[in-house]
C-alpha cells in the first residue's frame, strides 16, 4: 500500500511538473497575427512593427497575415473562430472592435464577446485631402463647391474610419457627396492621385507622404488639435468653424475569447514593451502615432466606450447598416 501511495504521489508530482512546463513553454511555435486590412495600410505598417518587437520579447516569430475585406470583418472573423491558444491574434482597430457592430446588420461573430483584449497600441489622426485638380484650396472652398453642385464630389473610403470621418464631415457641413468604396487604402490613394475620385480622408501613414510630396492637396486634420507632423494644416473644426468634429483611428490587439489568462498576460507584456520601444516610437512619430501602453482590462473598458462612441458617430452621419 505504501509503495502504491508513493508511486501515485510521484505520478501526480510529475504530471504537475509537466503541466507547469507546458504553461511556461508558451510560445513554443510561431504566432500568427492577422491584419484585417491590406498591405501598406496604417494597420499593416504599425502591426508589423509591433509584431517584430514582440517577437524579440517572446522569443518566437510572429507571422503577419493580411486578410482584408468588409471593413476588417473577414480578418476579425478568422480570429474570432480560431483556437484560443495564443497562436492566433488580431491587429484590431476601431473598425473591427468598435464600429462594425453599427455598420453591419449582422456580423458572423458577437463583437462584444468574441475577443479577449490583449493590449492597446496607439492612435493616429486622419488627413482630409483632395485631388490637385479640384478647384478648391481650402476645406471651406470644397464645402462651397459641394453646396453649389450637390452630389458632384466623389469621396473614397476603404475602412470604417475613412468612411465615417468623411460622412461625419459632409453631414456636419451640410453637403451631399457620392461615396466610392475601395478594398484598400492604397488603392483609394492611387485613384485620388489619378483623379478618379476627388476626396479621400485617410490616416497619416497613407496620406502624409502624398501630401508632403505634392501628389494631393491636404485640407485639414480630423483631430481636435493640429498635428506636429504637419502643423500648417488646420483641424476640421478650425477650417469650418465647427466645435464637435473629431475622429481618430486606433489600434489594439485581441485574441479569441477563452484564451488563458497567463497567455493574455504574456502577450500584454510584449505589446507594452513594444509600445515603450524608443525606435518604434520614433519610426511612427512622423505620422502622428501616439502610443498608450495599458492593461487588458483597460482595453476592455476602452472597447465598450469606443463602441458607444462610434455608434453615435455612425447615427449622426446617417450611415445605414449594410
Protein backbone atom coordinates (compact mmCIF):
# COMPACT_ATOMS: atom_id res chain seq x y z
CA UNK A 1 0.00 0.00 0.00
CA UNK A 2 2.80 2.38 0.89
CA UNK A 3 4.58 1.63 -2.41
CA UNK A 4 1.36 2.35 -4.31
CA UNK A 5 0.88 5.61 -2.43
CA UNK A 6 4.45 6.72 -3.10
CA UNK A 7 4.06 5.75 -6.76
CA UNK A 8 0.79 7.71 -7.04
CA UNK A 9 2.35 10.77 -5.41
CA UNK A 10 5.30 10.62 -7.79
CA UNK A 11 2.95 10.38 -10.78
CA UNK A 12 0.97 13.39 -9.56
CA UNK A 13 4.16 15.36 -8.99
CA UNK A 14 5.44 14.51 -12.47
CA UNK A 15 2.09 15.46 -14.00
CA UNK A 16 2.13 18.79 -12.16
CA UNK A 17 5.64 19.48 -13.39
CA UNK A 18 4.61 18.60 -16.95
CA UNK A 19 1.63 20.97 -16.86
CA UNK A 20 3.79 23.71 -15.37
CA UNK A 21 6.41 23.19 -18.05
CA UNK A 22 3.70 23.28 -20.72
CA UNK A 23 2.39 26.58 -19.35
CA UNK A 24 5.89 28.08 -19.22
CA UNK A 25 6.65 26.91 -22.75
CA UNK A 26 4.32 29.42 -24.43
CA UNK A 27 5.07 30.37 -27.06
CA UNK A 28 6.82 27.28 -28.40
CA UNK A 29 6.00 27.90 -32.07
CA UNK A 30 5.38 30.91 -34.34
CA UNK A 31 2.34 33.11 -33.64
CA UNK A 32 0.05 34.27 -36.44
CA UNK A 33 -1.06 37.91 -36.31
CA UNK A 34 -3.94 38.71 -38.66
CA UNK A 35 -4.08 42.23 -40.07
CA UNK A 36 -7.67 42.74 -41.31
CA UNK A 37 -6.62 45.36 -43.87
CA UNK A 38 -4.38 45.45 -46.94
CA UNK A 39 -0.61 45.54 -47.02
CA UNK A 40 0.66 49.11 -46.86
CA UNK A 41 -2.22 50.37 -44.72
CA UNK A 42 -1.52 52.03 -41.38
CA UNK A 43 -2.81 48.93 -39.58
CA UNK A 44 -0.37 46.81 -41.57
CA UNK A 45 2.63 49.08 -41.02
CA UNK A 46 2.04 49.53 -37.30
CA UNK A 47 1.05 45.89 -36.80
CA UNK A 48 4.22 44.61 -38.45
CA UNK A 49 6.42 46.93 -36.39
CA UNK A 50 4.76 45.78 -33.16
CA UNK A 51 4.98 42.11 -34.24
CA UNK A 52 8.73 42.43 -34.83
CA UNK A 53 9.30 43.98 -31.41
CA UNK A 54 7.04 41.46 -29.68
CA UNK A 55 8.97 38.60 -31.31
CA UNK A 56 12.11 39.83 -29.55
CA UNK A 57 10.34 39.74 -26.17
CA UNK A 58 8.58 36.41 -26.70
CA UNK A 59 11.44 34.58 -28.37
CA UNK A 60 9.22 33.38 -31.22
CA UNK A 61 8.43 34.73 -34.66
CA UNK A 62 5.11 36.49 -35.19
CA UNK A 63 3.99 35.92 -38.77
CA UNK A 64 1.74 38.68 -40.12
CA UNK A 65 -1.06 37.67 -42.46
CA UNK A 66 -3.23 40.20 -44.32
CA UNK A 67 -6.92 39.30 -44.63
CA UNK A 68 -8.61 42.39 -45.99
CA UNK A 69 -12.30 42.83 -46.70
CA UNK A 70 -15.63 44.21 -45.42
CA UNK A 71 -14.06 46.96 -43.27
CA UNK A 72 -11.91 44.42 -41.45
CA UNK A 73 -14.70 41.92 -40.78
CA UNK A 74 -13.12 39.00 -42.67
CA UNK A 75 -9.88 39.11 -40.69
CA UNK A 76 -11.66 39.67 -37.38
CA UNK A 77 -13.96 36.72 -38.07
CA UNK A 78 -10.97 34.44 -38.69
CA UNK A 79 -9.52 35.33 -35.27
CA UNK A 80 -12.89 35.09 -33.51
CA UNK A 81 -13.19 31.49 -34.74
CA UNK A 82 -9.57 30.46 -34.12
CA UNK A 83 -8.44 28.22 -31.26
CA UNK A 84 -8.00 30.26 -28.03
CA UNK A 85 -4.42 29.09 -27.52
CA UNK A 86 -2.48 32.32 -28.06
CA UNK A 87 -1.23 31.35 -31.51
CA UNK A 88 -3.69 33.48 -33.50
CA UNK A 89 -4.10 37.16 -32.62
CA UNK A 90 -5.81 40.14 -34.23
CA UNK A 91 -4.27 43.52 -35.00
CA UNK A 92 -7.59 45.20 -34.30
CA UNK A 93 -8.83 48.72 -34.90
CA UNK A 94 -11.78 50.97 -34.17
CA UNK A 95 -13.33 49.35 -37.24
CA UNK A 96 -13.15 45.71 -36.16
CA UNK A 97 -13.71 46.20 -32.44
CA UNK A 98 -15.98 49.23 -32.14
CA UNK A 99 -17.72 50.39 -35.32
CA UNK A 100 -18.57 47.22 -37.24
CA UNK A 101 -21.40 46.40 -34.86
CA UNK A 102 -23.19 49.56 -36.02
CA UNK A 103 -22.13 49.40 -39.67
CA UNK A 104 -23.36 45.86 -40.36
CA UNK A 105 -26.85 44.48 -39.97
CA UNK A 106 -25.36 41.15 -38.94
CA UNK A 107 -21.86 40.01 -38.01
CA UNK A 108 -20.68 36.37 -38.19
CA UNK A 109 -19.48 36.71 -34.57
CA UNK A 110 -20.54 38.61 -31.46
CA UNK A 111 -18.28 41.66 -31.41
CA UNK A 112 -18.78 42.16 -27.67
CA UNK A 113 -17.89 38.63 -26.58
CA UNK A 114 -15.77 37.04 -29.34
CA UNK A 115 -12.43 38.53 -28.31
CA UNK A 116 -10.09 38.61 -25.32
CA UNK A 117 -8.48 42.09 -25.11
CA UNK A 118 -4.67 41.90 -25.07
CA UNK A 119 -3.43 45.48 -25.14
CA UNK A 120 -3.87 48.95 -26.63
CA UNK A 121 -1.23 50.04 -29.13
CA UNK A 122 -1.96 53.67 -30.02
CA UNK A 123 -3.83 56.08 -32.27
CA UNK A 124 -3.42 58.34 -35.30
CA UNK A 125 -5.48 61.21 -36.70
CA UNK A 126 -6.56 61.38 -40.35
CA UNK A 127 -6.00 63.95 -43.10
CA UNK A 128 -8.75 65.23 -45.37
CA UNK A 129 -7.26 65.59 -48.86
CA UNK A 130 -8.37 66.23 -52.43
CA UNK A 131 -7.02 65.67 -55.92
CA UNK A 132 -4.80 68.54 -57.05
CA UNK A 133 -7.14 69.41 -59.93
CA UNK A 134 -10.16 70.02 -57.69
CA UNK A 135 -10.88 73.80 -57.79
CA UNK A 136 -10.64 74.30 -54.01
CA UNK A 137 -7.68 75.43 -51.93
CA UNK A 138 -9.33 75.08 -48.51
CA UNK A 139 -11.90 72.85 -46.85
CA UNK A 140 -14.34 75.77 -46.74
CA UNK A 141 -13.97 76.18 -50.51
CA UNK A 142 -14.59 72.46 -51.03
CA UNK A 143 -17.78 72.69 -48.95
CA UNK A 144 -18.90 75.69 -51.03
CA UNK A 145 -18.26 73.65 -54.18
CA UNK A 146 -20.30 70.78 -52.75
CA UNK A 147 -23.20 73.08 -51.94
CA UNK A 148 -23.20 74.56 -55.43
CA UNK A 149 -23.23 71.11 -57.08
CA UNK A 150 -24.89 68.55 -54.75
CA UNK A 151 -23.53 65.02 -55.22
CA UNK A 152 -20.72 66.14 -57.52
CA UNK A 153 -17.88 65.47 -55.05
CA UNK A 154 -16.79 61.83 -55.14
CA UNK A 155 -15.37 60.53 -51.86
CA UNK A 156 -13.21 57.40 -51.50
CA UNK A 157 -13.15 55.11 -48.45
CA UNK A 158 -11.67 51.71 -47.67
CA UNK A 159 -12.13 51.42 -43.90
CA UNK A 160 -14.58 52.37 -41.19
CA UNK A 161 -12.57 55.38 -40.02
CA UNK A 162 -12.25 56.65 -43.58
CA UNK A 163 -15.96 56.19 -44.29
CA UNK A 164 -17.28 57.59 -41.01
CA UNK A 165 -14.87 60.53 -40.93
CA UNK A 166 -15.98 61.61 -44.43
CA UNK A 167 -19.68 61.05 -43.79
CA UNK A 168 -19.49 62.93 -40.48
CA UNK A 169 -17.73 65.83 -42.17
CA UNK A 170 -20.18 66.12 -45.07
CA UNK A 171 -23.17 65.72 -42.73
CA UNK A 172 -21.94 68.44 -40.34
CA UNK A 173 -21.00 70.68 -43.28
CA UNK A 174 -24.44 70.22 -44.86
CA UNK A 175 -23.37 68.89 -48.26
CA UNK A 176 -24.22 65.80 -50.31
CA UNK A 177 -21.38 63.73 -51.78
CA UNK A 178 -21.06 60.47 -53.70
CA UNK A 179 -19.34 57.65 -51.77
CA UNK A 180 -16.95 55.35 -53.65
CA UNK A 181 -15.90 52.22 -51.70
CA UNK A 182 -12.48 50.62 -52.13
CA UNK A 183 -10.96 47.36 -50.94
CA UNK A 184 -7.80 49.04 -49.65
CA UNK A 185 -6.46 52.45 -48.67
CA UNK A 186 -3.52 52.30 -51.11
CA UNK A 187 -5.93 51.61 -53.99
CA UNK A 188 -8.08 54.58 -52.98
CA UNK A 189 -4.96 56.75 -52.77
CA UNK A 190 -3.91 55.72 -56.28
CA UNK A 191 -7.28 56.83 -57.63
CA UNK A 192 -7.19 60.09 -55.65
CA UNK A 193 -3.82 60.94 -57.17
CA UNK A 194 -5.08 59.92 -60.62
CA UNK A 195 -8.26 61.98 -60.34
CA UNK A 196 -10.73 59.07 -60.41
CA UNK A 197 -12.08 60.38 -57.09
CA UNK A 198 -11.98 63.93 -55.70
CA UNK A 199 -11.67 63.50 -51.93
CA UNK A 200 -10.21 60.96 -49.53
CA UNK A 201 -9.80 61.07 -45.75
CA UNK A 202 -7.14 58.65 -44.51
CA UNK A 203 -4.64 58.11 -41.71
CA UNK A 204 -1.26 59.81 -41.75
CA UNK A 205 0.61 56.64 -42.75
CA UNK A 206 -1.22 56.54 -46.08
CA UNK A 207 -1.85 60.25 -46.63
CA UNK A 208 1.01 62.31 -45.19
CA UNK A 209 3.75 61.25 -47.66
CA UNK A 210 1.46 62.08 -50.59
CA UNK A 211 0.53 65.49 -49.14
CA UNK A 212 4.16 66.38 -48.39
CA UNK A 213 5.19 65.10 -51.82
CA UNK A 214 2.67 67.36 -53.52
CA UNK A 215 0.75 64.45 -55.06
CA UNK A 216 -2.52 65.53 -53.36
CA UNK A 217 -3.73 68.64 -51.52
CA UNK A 218 -4.19 68.31 -47.75
CA UNK A 219 -7.03 70.41 -46.34
CA UNK A 220 -7.41 69.54 -42.65
CA UNK A 221 -6.72 67.02 -39.87
CA UNK A 222 -9.51 65.17 -38.05
CA UNK A 223 -8.19 65.61 -34.51
CA UNK A 224 -9.15 68.43 -32.15
CA UNK A 225 -5.60 69.81 -32.19
CA UNK A 226 -3.22 70.44 -35.05
CA UNK A 227 -0.62 67.72 -35.59
CA UNK A 228 3.09 68.45 -35.01
CA UNK A 229 3.72 66.25 -38.08
CA UNK A 230 2.02 68.82 -40.35
CA UNK A 231 1.20 71.92 -38.27
CA UNK A 232 0.25 74.03 -41.28
CA UNK A 233 -2.98 72.04 -41.73
CA UNK A 234 -5.92 73.31 -39.64
CA UNK A 235 -8.28 70.99 -37.83
CA UNK A 236 -11.69 70.37 -39.42
CA UNK A 237 -13.19 72.42 -36.59
CA UNK A 238 -10.91 75.37 -37.37
CA UNK A 239 -11.44 75.13 -41.11
CA UNK A 240 -15.24 75.05 -40.94
CA UNK A 241 -15.97 76.85 -37.68
CA UNK A 242 -17.26 73.67 -36.00
CA UNK A 243 -16.87 72.58 -32.37
CA UNK A 244 -17.63 68.89 -32.13
CA UNK A 245 -15.83 67.25 -35.05
CA UNK A 246 -13.22 64.68 -34.07
CA UNK A 247 -12.32 61.27 -35.42
CA UNK A 248 -9.10 59.32 -34.87
CA UNK A 249 -8.13 55.78 -35.79
CA UNK A 250 -6.73 53.50 -33.10
CA UNK A 251 -5.04 50.13 -32.95
CA UNK A 252 -5.15 47.32 -30.36
CA UNK A 253 -4.52 43.59 -30.15
CA UNK A 254 -7.06 40.90 -29.39
CA UNK A 255 -7.12 37.11 -29.08
CA UNK A 256 -10.05 34.71 -29.37
CA UNK A 257 -12.31 34.67 -26.30
CA UNK A 258 -11.28 31.97 -23.86
CA UNK A 259 -7.54 32.50 -24.26
CA UNK A 260 -5.91 31.54 -20.89
CA UNK A 261 -5.14 34.49 -18.57
CA UNK A 262 -1.43 33.63 -18.32
CA UNK A 263 -1.09 33.78 -22.12
CA UNK A 264 -3.04 37.06 -22.22
CA UNK A 265 -0.66 38.47 -19.59
CA UNK A 266 2.40 37.36 -21.53
CA UNK A 267 1.15 38.91 -24.77
CA UNK A 268 0.18 42.12 -22.96
CA UNK A 269 3.69 42.39 -21.54
CA UNK A 270 5.15 42.01 -25.06
CA UNK A 271 2.74 44.62 -26.50
CA UNK A 272 3.65 47.15 -23.80
CA UNK A 273 7.36 46.50 -24.27
CA UNK A 274 6.95 47.20 -27.99
CA UNK A 275 4.94 50.37 -27.33
CA UNK A 276 7.65 51.65 -24.98
CA UNK A 277 10.39 50.98 -27.51
CA UNK A 278 12.06 54.28 -28.50
CA UNK A 279 12.89 53.23 -32.04
CA UNK A 280 9.26 52.18 -32.68
CA UNK A 281 8.01 55.50 -31.28
CA UNK A 282 10.49 57.44 -33.40
CA UNK A 283 9.58 55.42 -36.50
CA UNK A 284 5.90 56.40 -36.29
CA UNK A 285 6.10 59.85 -34.70
CA UNK A 286 6.15 61.48 -38.17
CA UNK A 287 2.70 60.03 -38.90
CA UNK A 288 1.22 61.31 -35.65
CA UNK A 289 1.11 57.90 -33.96
CA UNK A 290 0.72 58.22 -30.18
CA UNK A 291 1.41 55.08 -28.12
CA UNK A 292 -0.52 54.34 -24.96
CA UNK A 293 0.50 51.14 -23.13
CA UNK A 294 -2.03 49.62 -20.73
CA UNK A 295 -3.66 46.52 -19.30
CA UNK A 296 -6.11 44.13 -20.96
CA UNK A 297 -8.74 45.40 -18.51
CA UNK A 298 -8.15 48.99 -19.65
CA UNK A 299 -8.58 47.91 -23.28
CA UNK A 300 -11.85 46.13 -22.42
CA UNK A 301 -13.18 49.35 -20.87
CA UNK A 302 -11.99 51.39 -23.85
CA UNK A 303 -13.66 48.97 -26.28
CA UNK A 304 -17.00 49.39 -24.51
CA UNK A 305 -16.66 53.18 -24.55
CA UNK A 306 -15.50 53.32 -28.18
CA UNK A 307 -18.31 51.04 -29.35
CA UNK A 308 -20.85 53.51 -27.93
CA UNK A 309 -18.93 56.49 -29.34
CA UNK A 310 -18.78 55.04 -32.86
CA UNK A 311 -22.44 54.01 -32.75
CA UNK A 312 -23.33 57.65 -32.12
CA UNK A 313 -20.96 58.90 -34.85
CA UNK A 314 -22.47 56.49 -37.36
CA UNK A 315 -26.02 57.51 -36.42
CA UNK A 316 -25.15 61.21 -36.61
CA UNK A 317 -23.56 60.69 -40.03
CA UNK A 318 -26.79 58.94 -41.15
CA UNK A 319 -24.91 55.84 -42.33
CA UNK A 320 -27.30 52.93 -42.87
CA UNK A 321 -26.13 49.45 -41.78
CA UNK A 322 -25.27 47.21 -44.72
